[in-house]
Amino acid sequence: MLQQSHIVSFTATSKPEDARTFYGDVLGLDLIEETPFAIVFDSNGVILRVQKAERVQAAPYTSIGWEVEDIVAIVGKLAARGVAFERFSGIEQDEAGIWDVPDGTRVAWFKDPDGNLLSLCQPA
């Protein structure tokens, strides 16, 4: 039924100015519009609606992820822009914070200004 429909992704912010800067300037997403209710970005044809909220309860799992071709290059560029990559106990990550999954996939995690967990994934 929905296989012909486009997905819209959502997250929330209680810090709209910080979120606009982070998603727009740091991550490089194109700003579509800002309303009293949300900041809307285009991520390669997928809409990301960053909803404005009084409080944000960040989930303990990844809420948004991007599939990338060269995770090492993207992690390096984001780190140069001040993004700190997360470290998790029990997961062997390299010096940049990248985890090599046994199937050859590579993953790195980072947080937005509200603590929402985001990820980069380079498929095997």
PDB file of N, CA and C in Angstrom:
ATOM      1  N   MET A   1       0.808  -1.192   0.000  1.00  0.00           N
ATOM      2  CA  MET A   1       0.000   0.000   0.000  1.00  0.00           C
ATOM      3  C   MET A   1       0.857   1.265   0.000  1.00  0.00           C
ATOM      4  N   LEU A   2       1.891   1.342   0.856  1.00  0.00           N
ATOM      5  CA  LEU A   2       2.688   2.561   0.937  1.00  0.00           C
ATOM      6  C   LEU A   2       3.988   2.479   0.142  1.00  0.00           C
ATOM      7  N   GLN A   3       4.222   1.392  -0.569  1.00  0.00           N
ATOM      8  CA  GLN A   3       5.489   1.226  -1.284  1.00  0.00           C
ATOM      9  C   GLN A   3       5.724   2.291  -2.341  1.00  0.00           C
ATOM     10  N   GLN A   4       4.701   2.971  -2.794  1.00  0.00           N
ATOM     11  CA  GLN A   4       4.860   4.050  -3.775  1.00  0.00           C
ATOM     12  C   GLN A   4       4.922   5.432  -3.129  1.00  0.00           C
ATOM     13  N   SER A   5       4.853   5.469  -1.805  1.00  0.00           N
ATOM     14  CA  SER A   5       4.859   6.746  -1.083  1.00  0.00           C
ATOM     15  C   SER A   5       6.261   7.078  -0.590  1.00  0.00           C
ATOM     16  N   HIS A   6       6.542   8.357  -0.444  1.00  0.00           N
ATOM     17  CA  HIS A   6       7.831   8.812   0.069  1.00  0.00           C
ATOM     18  C   HIS A   6       7.811   8.827   1.586  1.00  0.00           C
ATOM     19  N   ILE A   7       8.915   8.451   2.184  1.00  0.00           N
ATOM     20  CA  ILE A   7       9.057   8.494   3.636  1.00  0.00           C
ATOM     21  C   ILE A   7       9.453   9.911   4.049  1.00  0.00           C
ATOM     22  N   VAL A   8       8.902  10.355   5.164  1.00  0.00           N
ATOM     23  CA  VAL A   8       9.295  11.596   5.809  1.00  0.00           C
ATOM     24  C   VAL A   8       9.854  11.189   7.166  1.00  0.00           C
ATOM     25  N   SER A   9      11.064  11.640   7.486  1.00  0.00           N
ATOM     26  CA  SER A   9      11.644  11.288   8.779  1.00  0.00           C
ATOM     27  C   SER A   9      11.426  12.440   9.764  1.00  0.00           C
ATOM     28  N   PHE A  10      11.365  12.089  11.040  1.00  0.00           N
ATOM     29  CA  PHE A  10      11.089  13.053  12.094  1.00  0.00           C
ATOM     30  C   PHE A  10      12.084  12.906  13.232  1.00  0.00           C
ATOM     31  N   THR A  11      12.413  14.009  13.836  1.00  0.00           N
ATOM     32  CA  THR A  11      13.096  14.046  15.116  1.00  0.00           C
ATOM     33  C   THR A  11      12.598  15.308  15.809  1.00  0.00           C
ATOM     34  N   ALA A  12      13.094  15.566  17.006  1.00  0.00           N
ATOM     35  CA  ALA A  12      12.595  16.724  17.745  1.00  0.00           C
ATOM     36  C   ALA A  12      13.751  17.525  18.323  1.00  0.00           C
ATOM     37  N   THR A  13      13.461  18.796  18.574  1.00  0.00           N
ATOM     38  CA  THR A  13      14.439  19.681  19.199  1.00  0.00           C
ATOM     39  C   THR A  13      13.763  20.625  20.182  1.00  0.00           C
ATOM     40  N   SER A  14      14.449  20.874  21.273  1.00  0.00           N
ATOM     41  CA  SER A  14      14.037  21.942  22.184  1.00  0.00           C
ATOM     42  C   SER A  14      14.987  23.128  22.034  1.00  0.00           C
ATOM     43  N   LYS A  15      15.927  23.004  21.077  1.00  0.00           N
ATOM     44  CA  LYS A  15      16.931  24.031  20.815  1.00  0.00           C
ATOM     45  C   LYS A  15      16.936  24.347  19.315  1.00  0.00           C
ATOM     46  N   PRO A  16      15.894  25.026  18.822  1.00  0.00           N
ATOM     47  CA  PRO A  16      15.761  25.231  17.374  1.00  0.00           C
ATOM     48  C   PRO A  16      16.953  25.897  16.693  1.00  0.00           C
ATOM     49  N   GLU A  17      17.546  26.898  17.337  1.00  0.00           N
ATOM     50  CA  GLU A  17      18.688  27.559  16.694  1.00  0.00           C
ATOM     51  C   GLU A  17      19.863  26.605  16.549  1.00  0.00           C
ATOM     52  N   ASP A  18      20.131  25.839  17.616  1.00  0.00           N
ATOM     53  CA  ASP A  18      21.218  24.862  17.569  1.00  0.00           C
ATOM     54  C   ASP A  18      20.928  23.777  16.534  1.00  0.00           C
ATOM     55  N   ALA A  19      19.685  23.321  16.473  1.00  0.00           N
ATOM     56  CA  ALA A  19      19.309  22.275  15.512  1.00  0.00           C
ATOM     57  C   ALA A  19      19.444  22.781  14.079  1.00  0.00           C
ATOM     58  N   ARG A  20      19.016  24.010  13.825  1.00  0.00           N
ATOM     59  CA  ARG A  20      19.133  24.582  12.474  1.00  0.00           C
ATOM     60  C   ARG A  20      20.595  24.627  12.046  1.00  0.00           C
ATOM     61  N   THR A  21      21.460  25.075  12.941  1.00  0.00           N
ATOM     62  CA  THR A  21      22.895  25.133  12.642  1.00  0.00           C
ATOM     63  C   THR A  21      23.467  23.731  12.456  1.00  0.00           C
ATOM     64  N   PHE A  22      23.127  22.818  13.340  1.00  0.00           N
ATOM     65  CA  PHE A  22      23.677  21.461  13.284  1.00  0.00           C
ATOM     66  C   PHE A  22      23.269  20.739  11.997  1.00  0.00           C
ATOM     67  N   TYR A  23      21.971  20.655  11.746  1.00  0.00           N
ATOM     68  CA  TYR A  23      21.502  19.914  10.575  1.00  0.00           C
ATOM     69  C   TYR A  23      21.834  20.638   9.264  1.00  0.00           C
ATOM     70  N   GLY A  24      21.810  21.964   9.289  1.00  0.00           N
ATOM     71  CA  GLY A  24      22.078  22.723   8.072  1.00  0.00           C
ATOM     72  C   GLY A  24      23.558  22.940   7.820  1.00  0.00           C
ATOM     73  N   ASP A  25      24.239  23.583   8.766  1.00  0.00           N
ATOM     74  CA  ASP A  25      25.636  23.958   8.547  1.00  0.00           C
ATOM     75  C   ASP A  25      26.609  22.806   8.802  1.00  0.00           C
ATOM     76  N   VAL A  26      26.409  22.065   9.874  1.00  0.00           N
ATOM     77  CA  VAL A  26      27.348  20.992  10.215  1.00  0.00           C
ATOM     78  C   VAL A  26      27.135  19.770   9.326  1.00  0.00           C
ATOM     79  N   LEU A  27      25.888  19.283   9.237  1.00  0.00           N
ATOM     80  CA  LEU A  27      25.626  18.093   8.420  1.00  0.00           C
ATOM     81  C   LEU A  27      25.459  18.419   6.943  1.00  0.00           C
ATOM     82  N   GLY A  28      25.172  19.677   6.633  1.00  0.00           N
ATOM     83  CA  GLY A  28      25.084  20.090   5.236  1.00  0.00           C
ATOM     84  C   GLY A  28      23.755  19.811   4.555  1.00  0.00           C
ATOM     85  N   LEU A  29      22.690  19.628   5.339  1.00  0.00           N
ATOM     86  CA  LEU A  29      21.379  19.409   4.740  1.00  0.00           C
ATOM     87  C   LEU A  29      20.797  20.733   4.266  1.00  0.00           C
ATOM     88  N   ASP A  30      20.009  20.678   3.208  1.00  0.00           N
ATOM     89  CA  ASP A  30      19.386  21.878   2.661  1.00  0.00           C
ATOM     90  C   ASP A  30      18.142  22.242   3.460  1.00  0.00           C
ATOM     91  N   LEU A  31      18.097  23.477   3.949  1.00  0.00           N
ATOM     92  CA  LEU A  31      16.925  23.975   4.664  1.00  0.00           C
ATOM     93  C   LEU A  31      15.815  24.248   3.656  1.00  0.00           C
ATOM     94  N   ILE A  32      14.661  23.646   3.885  1.00  0.00           N
ATOM     95  CA  ILE A  32      13.494  23.881   3.025  1.00  0.00           C
ATOM     96  C   ILE A  32      12.660  25.020   3.593  1.00  0.00           C
ATOM     97  N   GLU A  33      12.343  24.919   4.874  1.00  0.00           N
ATOM     98  CA  GLU A  33      11.546  25.965   5.516  1.00  0.00           C
ATOM     99  C   GLU A  33      11.640  25.830   7.020  1.00  0.00           C
ATOM    100  N   GLU A  34      11.283  26.911   7.698  1.00  0.00           N
ATOM    101  CA  GLU A  34      11.130  26.884   9.148  1.00  0.00           C
ATOM    102  C   GLU A  34       9.791  27.507   9.473  1.00  0.00           C
ATOM    103  N   THR A  35       9.033  26.802  10.297  1.00  0.00           N
ATOM    104  CA  THR A  35       7.731  27.278  10.745  1.00  0.00           C
ATOM    105  C   THR A  35       7.763  27.346  12.270  1.00  0.00           C
ATOM    106  N   PRO A  36       6.713  27.841  12.889  1.00  0.00           N
ATOM    107  CA  PRO A  36       6.680  27.817  14.354  1.00  0.00           C
ATOM    108  C   PRO A  36       6.681  26.394  14.928  1.00  0.00           C
ATOM    109  N   PHE A  37       6.434  25.399  14.056  1.00  0.00           N
ATOM    110  CA  PHE A  37       6.297  24.026  14.524  1.00  0.00           C
ATOM    111  C   PHE A  37       7.481  23.132  14.197  1.00  0.00           C
ATOM    112  N   ALA A  38       8.241  23.444  13.148  1.00  0.00           N
ATOM    113  CA  ALA A  38       9.318  22.551  12.719  1.00  0.00           C
ATOM    114  C   ALA A  38      10.328  23.280  11.838  1.00  0.00           C
ATOM    115  N   ILE A  39      11.514  22.686  11.765  1.00  0.00           N
ATOM    116  CA  ILE A  39      12.549  23.091  10.819  1.00  0.00           C
ATOM    117  C   ILE A  39      12.636  21.934   9.832  1.00  0.00           C
ATOM    118  N   VAL A  40      12.473  22.219   8.559  1.00  0.00           N
ATOM    119  CA  VAL A  40      12.368  21.157   7.552  1.00  0.00           C
ATOM    120  C   VAL A  40      13.591  21.185   6.639  1.00  0.00           C
ATOM    121  N   PHE A  41      14.221  20.020   6.503  1.00  0.00           N
ATOM    122  CA  PHE A  41      15.413  19.875   5.679  1.00  0.00           C
ATOM    123  C   PHE A  41      15.183  18.836   4.593  1.00  0.00           C
ATOM    124  N   ASP A  42      15.983  18.935   3.540  1.00  0.00           N
ATOM    125  CA  ASP A  42      16.016  17.928   2.480  1.00  0.00           C
ATOM    126  C   ASP A  42      17.322  17.166   2.630  1.00  0.00           C
ATOM    127  N   SER A  43      17.225  15.847   2.761  1.00  0.00           N
ATOM    128  CA  SER A  43      18.397  14.990   2.827  1.00  0.00           C
ATOM    129  C   SER A  43      18.365  14.066   1.618  1.00  0.00           C
ATOM    130  N   ASN A  44      18.899  14.550   0.506  1.00  0.00           N
ATOM    131  CA  ASN A  44      18.952  13.777  -0.736  1.00  0.00           C
ATOM    132  C   ASN A  44      17.575  13.277  -1.166  1.00  0.00           C
ATOM    133  N   GLY A  45      16.586  14.156  -1.092  1.00  0.00           N
ATOM    134  CA  GLY A  45      15.242  13.808  -1.532  1.00  0.00           C
ATOM    135  C   GLY A  45      14.330  13.284  -0.442  1.00  0.00           C
ATOM    136  N   VAL A  46      14.865  13.057   0.748  1.00  0.00           N
ATOM    137  CA  VAL A  46      14.056  12.620   1.888  1.00  0.00           C
ATOM    138  C   VAL A  46      13.867  13.823   2.810  1.00  0.00           C
ATOM    139  N   ILE A  47      12.644  14.064   3.194  1.00  0.00           N
ATOM    140  CA  ILE A  47      12.328  15.182   4.081  1.00  0.00           C
ATOM    141  C   ILE A  47      12.646  14.796   5.524  1.00  0.00           C
ATOM    142  N   LEU A  48      13.354  15.684   6.219  1.00  0.00           N
ATOM    143  CA  LEU A  48      13.596  15.539   7.650  1.00  0.00           C
ATOM    144  C   LEU A  48      12.903  16.703   8.334  1.00  0.00           C
ATOM    145  N   ARG A  49      11.894  16.390   9.139  1.00  0.00           N
ATOM    146  CA  ARG A  49      11.173  17.405   9.913  1.00  0.00           C
ATOM    147  C   ARG A  49      11.694  17.372  11.340  1.00  0.00           C
ATOM    148  N   VAL A  50      12.362  18.437  11.739  1.00  0.00           N
ATOM    149  CA  VAL A  50      12.851  18.572  13.104  1.00  0.00           C
ATOM    150  C   VAL A  50      11.780  19.356  13.852  1.00  0.00           C
ATOM    151  N   GLN A  51      10.970  18.623  14.590  1.00  0.00           N
ATOM    152  CA  GLN A  51       9.830  19.219  15.287  1.00  0.00           C
ATOM    153  C   GLN A  51      10.301  20.022  16.491  1.00  0.00           C
ATOM    154  N   LYS A  52       9.729  21.184  16.676  1.00  0.00           N
ATOM    155  CA  LYS A  52      10.063  22.011  17.825  1.00  0.00           C
ATOM    156  C   LYS A  52       9.212  21.542  19.009  1.00  0.00           C
ATOM    157  N   ALA A  53       9.894  21.268  20.119  1.00  0.00           N
ATOM    158  CA  ALA A  53       9.210  20.756  21.306  1.00  0.00           C
ATOM    159  C   ALA A  53       9.763  21.465  22.538  1.00  0.00           C
ATOM    160  N   GLU A  54       8.957  21.519  23.583  1.00  0.00           N
ATOM    161  CA  GLU A  54       9.420  22.113  24.837  1.00  0.00           C
ATOM    162  C   GLU A  54      10.537  21.301  25.445  1.00  0.00           C
ATOM    163  N   ARG A  55      10.371  19.988  25.433  1.00  0.00           N
ATOM    164  CA  ARG A  55      11.371  19.068  25.967  1.00  0.00           C
ATOM    165  C   ARG A  55      11.558  17.930  24.976  1.00  0.00           C
ATOM    166  N   VAL A  56      12.772  17.409  24.925  1.00  0.00           N
ATOM    167  CA  VAL A  56      13.065  16.263  24.071  1.00  0.00           C
ATOM    168  C   VAL A  56      13.544  15.126  24.956  1.00  0.00           C
ATOM    169  N   GLN A  57      12.935  13.983  24.786  1.00  0.00           N
ATOM    170  CA  GLN A  57      13.369  12.767  25.471  1.00  0.00           C
ATOM    171  C   GLN A  57      14.064  11.910  24.416  1.00  0.00           C
ATOM    172  N   ALA A  58      15.375  11.990  24.382  1.00  0.00           N
ATOM    173  CA  ALA A  58      16.131  11.248  23.364  1.00  0.00           C
ATOM    174  C   ALA A  58      16.001   9.751  23.603  1.00  0.00           C
ATOM    175  N   ALA A  59      15.785   9.018  22.532  1.00  0.00           N
ATOM    176  CA  ALA A  59      15.689   7.564  22.610  1.00  0.00           C
ATOM    177  C   ALA A  59      17.087   6.969  22.811  1.00  0.00           C
ATOM    178  N   PRO A  60      17.173   5.818  23.452  1.00  0.00           N
ATOM    179  CA  PRO A  60      18.491   5.194  23.677  1.00  0.00           C
ATOM    180  C   PRO A  60      18.980   4.392  22.464  1.00  0.00           C
ATOM    181  N   TYR A  61      18.386   4.614  21.328  1.00  0.00           N
ATOM    182  CA  TYR A  61      18.756   3.904  20.099  1.00  0.00           C
ATOM    183  C   TYR A  61      18.802   4.909  18.957  1.00  0.00           C
ATOM    184  N   THR A  62      19.332   4.486  17.827  1.00  0.00           N
ATOM    185  CA  THR A  62      19.476   5.379  16.678  1.00  0.00           C
ATOM    186  C   THR A  62      18.110   5.822  16.177  1.00  0.00           C
ATOM    187  N   SER A  63      17.976   7.133  15.991  1.00  0.00           N
ATOM    188  CA  SER A  63      16.700   7.654  15.501  1.00  0.00           C
ATOM    189  C   SER A  63      16.759   8.011  14.016  1.00  0.00           C
ATOM    190  N   ILE A  64      17.936   8.398  13.527  1.00  0.00           N
ATOM    191  CA  ILE A  64      18.114   8.726  12.112  1.00  0.00           C
ATOM    192  C   ILE A  64      19.482   8.199  11.693  1.00  0.00           C
ATOM    193  N   GLY A  65      19.560   7.643  10.497  1.00  0.00           N
ATOM    194  CA  GLY A  65      20.843   7.176   9.992  1.00  0.00           C
ATOM    195  C   GLY A  65      20.997   7.486   8.518  1.00  0.00           C
ATOM    196  N   TRP A  66      22.228   7.652   8.101  1.00  0.00           N
ATOM    197  CA  TRP A  66      22.544   7.907   6.700  1.00  0.00           C
ATOM    198  C   TRP A  66      23.462   6.810   6.188  1.00  0.00           C
ATOM    199  N   GLU A  67      23.152   6.283   5.009  1.00  0.00           N
ATOM    200  CA  GLU A  67      24.031   5.336   4.342  1.00  0.00           C
ATOM    201  C   GLU A  67      25.031   6.145   3.519  1.00  0.00           C
ATOM    202  N   VAL A  68      26.309   5.883   3.722  1.00  0.00           N
ATOM    203  CA  VAL A  68      27.360   6.646   3.051  1.00  0.00           C
ATOM    204  C   VAL A  68      28.287   5.707   2.291  1.00  0.00           C
ATOM    205  N   GLU A  69      28.991   6.254   1.304  1.00  0.00           N
ATOM    206  CA  GLU A  69      29.913   5.451   0.504  1.00  0.00           C
ATOM    207  C   GLU A  69      31.292   5.352   1.144  1.00  0.00           C
ATOM    208  N   ASP A  70      31.721   6.403   1.849  1.00  0.00           N
ATOM    209  CA  ASP A  70      33.060   6.425   2.440  1.00  0.00           C
ATOM    210  C   ASP A  70      32.945   6.957   3.869  1.00  0.00           C
ATOM    211  N   ILE A  71      32.722   6.051   4.806  1.00  0.00           N
ATOM    212  CA  ILE A  71      32.474   6.451   6.193  1.00  0.00           C
ATOM    213  C   ILE A  71      33.693   7.139   6.815  1.00  0.00           C
ATOM    214  N   VAL A  72      34.887   6.698   6.449  1.00  0.00           N
ATOM    215  CA  VAL A  72      36.095   7.312   7.001  1.00  0.00           C
ATOM    216  C   VAL A  72      36.161   8.788   6.612  1.00  0.00           C
ATOM    217  N   ALA A  73      35.890   9.101   5.352  1.00  0.00           N
ATOM    218  CA  ALA A  73      35.927  10.487   4.886  1.00  0.00           C
ATOM    219  C   ALA A  73      34.849  11.323   5.565  1.00  0.00           C
ATOM    220  N   ILE A  74      33.638  10.799   5.666  1.00  0.00           N
ATOM    221  CA  ILE A  74      32.534  11.562   6.273  1.00  0.00           C
ATOM    222  C   ILE A  74      32.783  11.777   7.763  1.00  0.00           C
ATOM    223  N   VAL A  75      33.240  10.740   8.467  1.00  0.00           N
ATOM    224  CA  VAL A  75      33.551  10.890   9.890  1.00  0.00           C
ATOM    225  C   VAL A  75      34.628  11.956  10.069  1.00  0.00           C
ATOM    226  N   GLY A  76      35.641  11.938   9.227  1.00  0.00           N
ATOM    227  CA  GLY A  76      36.703  12.939   9.311  1.00  0.00           C
ATOM    228  C   GLY A  76      36.191  14.351   9.099  1.00  0.00           C
ATOM    229  N   LYS A  77      35.334  14.527   8.094  1.00  0.00           N
ATOM    230  CA  LYS A  77      34.782  15.860   7.814  1.00  0.00           C
ATOM    231  C   LYS A  77      33.893  16.348   8.956  1.00  0.00           C
ATOM    232  N   LEU A  78      33.055  15.447   9.480  1.00  0.00           N
ATOM    233  CA  LEU A  78      32.176  15.847  10.582  1.00  0.00           C
ATOM    234  C   LEU A  78      32.979  16.129  11.849  1.00  0.00           C
ATOM    235  N   ALA A  79      33.984  15.320  12.122  1.00  0.00           N
ATOM    236  CA  ALA A  79      34.835  15.562  13.298  1.00  0.00           C
ATOM    237  C   ALA A  79      35.516  16.924  13.177  1.00  0.00           C
ATOM    238  N   ALA A  80      35.949  17.284  11.973  1.00  0.00           N
ATOM    239  CA  ALA A  80      36.572  18.592  11.751  1.00  0.00           C
ATOM    240  C   ALA A  80      35.591  19.730  11.993  1.00  0.00           C
ATOM    241  N   ARG A  81      34.297  19.445  11.875  1.00  0.00           N
ATOM    242  CA  ARG A  81      33.260  20.454  12.135  1.00  0.00           C
ATOM    243  C   ARG A  81      32.770  20.403  13.576  1.00  0.00           C
ATOM    244  N   GLY A  82      33.460  19.625  14.421  1.00  0.00           N
ATOM    245  CA  GLY A  82      33.132  19.602  15.845  1.00  0.00           C
ATOM    246  C   GLY A  82      32.224  18.476  16.295  1.00  0.00           C
ATOM    247  N   VAL A  83      31.873  17.559  15.413  1.00  0.00           N
ATOM    248  CA  VAL A  83      31.005  16.437  15.806  1.00  0.00           C
ATOM    249  C   VAL A  83      31.833  15.427  16.591  1.00  0.00           C
ATOM    250  N   ALA A  84      31.334  15.038  17.764  1.00  0.00           N
ATOM    251  CA  ALA A  84      31.982  14.022  18.592  1.00  0.00           C
ATOM    252  C   ALA A  84      31.293  12.684  18.336  1.00  0.00           C
ATOM    253  N   PHE A  85      32.065  11.664  18.065  1.00  0.00           N
ATOM    254  CA  PHE A  85      31.502  10.344  17.801  1.00  0.00           C
ATOM    255  C   PHE A  85      31.431   9.541  19.085  1.00  0.00           C
ATOM    256  N   GLU A  86      30.337   8.810  19.212  1.00  0.00           N
ATOM    257  CA  GLU A  86      30.031   8.062  20.422  1.00  0.00           C
ATOM    258  C   GLU A  86      30.877   6.796  20.523  1.00  0.00           C
ATOM    259  N   ARG A  87      31.122   6.395  21.752  1.00  0.00           N
ATOM    260  CA  ARG A  87      31.822   5.142  22.064  1.00  0.00           C
ATOM    261  C   ARG A  87      30.883   4.288  22.905  1.00  0.00           C
ATOM    262  N   PHE A  88      30.844   3.009  22.595  1.00  0.00           N
ATOM    263  CA  PHE A  88      29.972   2.084  23.322  1.00  0.00           C
ATOM    264  C   PHE A  88      30.794   0.927  23.865  1.00  0.00           C
ATOM    265  N   SER A  89      30.585   0.604  25.129  1.00  0.00           N
ATOM    266  CA  SER A  89      31.286  -0.539  25.701  1.00  0.00           C
ATOM    267  C   SER A  89      30.746  -1.818  25.062  1.00  0.00           C
ATOM    268  N   GLY A  90      31.637  -2.756  24.856  1.00  0.00           N
ATOM    269  CA  GLY A  90      31.242  -4.025  24.254  1.00  0.00           C
ATOM    270  C   GLY A  90      31.297  -4.030  22.737  1.00  0.00           C
ATOM    271  N   ILE A  91      31.577  -2.858  22.147  1.00  0.00           N
ATOM    272  CA  ILE A  91      31.698  -2.759  20.690  1.00  0.00           C
ATOM    273  C   ILE A  91      33.110  -2.259  20.397  1.00  0.00           C
ATOM    274  N   GLU A  92      33.864  -3.004  19.608  1.00  0.00           N
ATOM    275  CA  GLU A  92      35.225  -2.609  19.269  1.00  0.00           C
ATOM    276  C   GLU A  92      35.204  -1.567  18.145  1.00  0.00           C
ATOM    277  N   GLN A  93      35.510  -0.337  18.510  1.00  0.00           N
ATOM    278  CA  GLN A  93      35.516   0.761  17.544  1.00  0.00           C
ATOM    279  C   GLN A  93      36.949   1.237  17.332  1.00  0.00           C
ATOM    280  N   ASP A  94      37.234   1.719  16.117  1.00  0.00           N
ATOM    281  CA  ASP A  94      38.579   2.225  15.845  1.00  0.00           C
ATOM    282  C   ASP A  94      38.750   3.611  16.457  1.00  0.00           C
ATOM    283  N   GLU A  95      39.905   4.237  16.213  1.00  0.00           N
ATOM    284  CA  GLU A  95      40.215   5.525  16.822  1.00  0.00           C
ATOM    285  C   GLU A  95      39.243   6.630  16.416  1.00  0.00           C
ATOM    286  N   ALA A  96      38.582   6.475  15.267  1.00  0.00           N
ATOM    287  CA  ALA A  96      37.608   7.468  14.805  1.00  0.00           C
ATOM    288  C   ALA A  96      36.203   7.190  15.344  1.00  0.00           C
ATOM    289  N   GLY A  97      36.017   6.047  15.998  1.00  0.00           N
ATOM    290  CA  GLY A  97      34.702   5.689  16.521  1.00  0.00           C
ATOM    291  C   GLY A  97      33.907   4.802  15.587  1.00  0.00           C
ATOM    292  N   ILE A  98      34.556   4.229  14.581  1.00  0.00           N
ATOM    293  CA  ILE A  98      33.866   3.381  13.595  1.00  0.00           C
ATOM    294  C   ILE A  98      33.931   1.922  14.042  1.00  0.00           C
ATOM    295  N   TRP A  99      32.789   1.265  13.985  1.00  0.00           N
ATOM    296  CA  TRP A  99      32.672  -0.158  14.327  1.00  0.00           C
ATOM    297  C   TRP A  99      32.610  -0.963  13.043  1.00  0.00           C
ATOM    298  N   ASP A 100      33.449  -1.986  12.945  1.00  0.00           N
ATOM    299  CA  ASP A 100      33.418  -2.917  11.823  1.00  0.00           C
ATOM    300  C   ASP A 100      32.548  -4.104  12.207  1.00  0.00           C
ATOM    301  N   VAL A 101      31.355  -4.151  11.634  1.00  0.00           N
ATOM    302  CA  VAL A 101      30.404  -5.236  11.883  1.00  0.00           C
ATOM    303  C   VAL A 101      30.973  -6.511  11.238  1.00  0.00           C
ATOM    304  N   PRO A 102      30.749  -7.683  11.827  1.00  0.00           N
ATOM    305  CA  PRO A 102      31.299  -8.906  11.236  1.00  0.00           C
ATOM    306  C   PRO A 102      30.964  -9.119   9.754  1.00  0.00           C
ATOM    307  N   ASP A 103      29.839  -8.598   9.266  1.00  0.00           N
ATOM    308  CA  ASP A 103      29.492  -8.803   7.850  1.00  0.00           C
ATOM    309  C   ASP A 103      30.193  -7.816   6.911  1.00  0.00           C
ATOM    310  N   GLY A 104      31.034  -6.921   7.467  1.00  0.00           N
ATOM    311  CA  GLY A 104      31.762  -5.963   6.649  1.00  0.00           C
ATOM    312  C   GLY A 104      31.166  -4.561   6.635  1.00  0.00           C
ATOM    313  N   THR A 105      29.979  -4.402   7.171  1.00  0.00           N
ATOM    314  CA  THR A 105      29.356  -3.085   7.295  1.00  0.00           C
ATOM    315  C   THR A 105      30.161  -2.274   8.308  1.00  0.00           C
ATOM    316  N   ARG A 106      30.209  -0.972   8.113  1.00  0.00           N
ATOM    317  CA  ARG A 106      30.898  -0.086   9.044  1.00  0.00           C
ATOM    318  C   ARG A 106      29.899   0.950   9.556  1.00  0.00           C
ATOM    319  N   VAL A 107      29.931   1.213  10.871  1.00  0.00           N
ATOM    320  CA  VAL A 107      28.946   2.099  11.500  1.00  0.00           C
ATOM    321  C   VAL A 107      29.643   3.038  12.483  1.00  0.00           C
ATOM    322  N   ALA A 108      29.154   4.274  12.532  1.00  0.00           N
ATOM    323  CA  ALA A 108      29.599   5.252  13.534  1.00  0.00           C
ATOM    324  C   ALA A 108      28.378   6.026  14.012  1.00  0.00           C
ATOM    325  N   TRP A 109      28.388   6.416  15.289  1.00  0.00           N
ATOM    326  CA  TRP A 109      27.252   7.117  15.882  1.00  0.00           C
ATOM    327  C   TRP A 109      27.677   8.462  16.432  1.00  0.00           C
ATOM    328  N   PHE A 110      26.744   9.412  16.414  1.00  0.00           N
ATOM    329  CA  PHE A 110      26.963  10.734  16.979  1.00  0.00           C
ATOM    330  C   PHE A 110      25.610  11.287  17.413  1.00  0.00           C
ATOM    331  N   LYS A 111      25.626  12.377  18.163  1.00  0.00           N
ATOM    332  CA  LYS A 111      24.383  12.954  18.677  1.00  0.00           C
ATOM    333  C   LYS A 111      24.176  14.365  18.147  1.00  0.00           C
ATOM    334  N   ASP A 112      22.895  14.733  18.036  1.00  0.00           N
ATOM    335  CA  ASP A 112      22.560  16.107  17.679  1.00  0.00           C
ATOM    336  C   ASP A 112      22.521  16.941  18.968  1.00  0.00           C
ATOM    337  N   PRO A 113      22.261  18.248  18.890  1.00  0.00           N
ATOM    338  CA  PRO A 113      22.289  19.088  20.096  1.00  0.00           C
ATOM    339  C   PRO A 113      21.294  18.680  21.183  1.00  0.00           C
ATOM    340  N   ASP A 114      20.252  17.928  20.830  1.00  0.00           N
ATOM    341  CA  ASP A 114      19.279  17.484  21.829  1.00  0.00           C
ATOM    342  C   ASP A 114      19.579  16.085  22.360  1.00  0.00           C
ATOM    343  N   GLY A 115      20.655  15.475  21.897  1.00  0.00           N
ATOM    344  CA  GLY A 115      21.013  14.139  22.364  1.00  0.00           C
ATOM    345  C   GLY A 115      20.396  13.014  21.560  1.00  0.00           C
ATOM    346  N   ASN A 116      19.720  13.330  20.452  1.00  0.00           N
ATOM    347  CA  ASN A 116      19.189  12.276  19.583  1.00  0.00           C
ATOM    348  C   ASN A 116      20.359  11.531  18.947  1.00  0.00           C
ATOM    349  N   LEU A 117      20.335  10.206  19.002  1.00  0.00           N
ATOM    350  CA  LEU A 117      21.419   9.392  18.473  1.00  0.00           C
ATOM    351  C   LEU A 117      21.245   9.213  16.975  1.00  0.00           C
ATOM    352  N   LEU A 118      22.272   9.572  16.216  1.00  0.00           N
ATOM    353  CA  LEU A 118      22.275   9.497  14.758  1.00  0.00           C
ATOM    354  C   LEU A 118      23.404   8.565  14.345  1.00  0.00           C
ATOM    355  N   SER A 119      23.316   8.039  13.108  1.00  0.00           N
ATOM    356  CA  SER A 119      24.377   7.131  12.681  1.00  0.00           C
ATOM    357  C   SER A 119      24.740   7.312  11.224  1.00  0.00           C
ATOM    358  N   LEU A 120      25.938   6.849  10.927  1.00  0.00           N
ATOM    359  CA  LEU A 120      26.427   6.712   9.550  1.00  0.00           C
ATOM    360  C   LEU A 120      26.677   5.229   9.344  1.00  0.00           C
ATOM    361  N   CYS A 121      26.359   4.732   8.166  1.00  0.00           N
ATOM    362  CA  CYS A 121      26.537   3.317   7.868  1.00  0.00           C
ATOM    363  C   CYS A 121      27.088   3.173   6.464  1.00  0.00           C
ATOM    364  N   GLN A 122      28.177   2.429   6.351  1.00  0.00           N
ATOM    365  CA  GLN A 122      28.730   2.088   5.046  1.00  0.00           C
ATOM    366  C   GLN A 122      28.505   0.601   4.854  1.00  0.00           C
ATOM    367  N   PRO A 123      27.611   0.230   3.913  1.00  0.00           N
ATOM    368  CA  PRO A 123      27.325  -1.195   3.719  1.00  0.00           C
ATOM    369  C   PRO A 123      28.557  -1.968   3.263  1.00  0.00           C
ATOM    370  N   ALA A 124      28.543  -3.250   3.540  1.00  0.00           N
ATOM    371  CA  ALA A 124      29.653  -4.135   3.157  1.00  0.00           C
ATOM    372  C   ALA A 124      29.797  -4.154   1.636  1.00  0.00           C
TER     373      ALA A 124
END
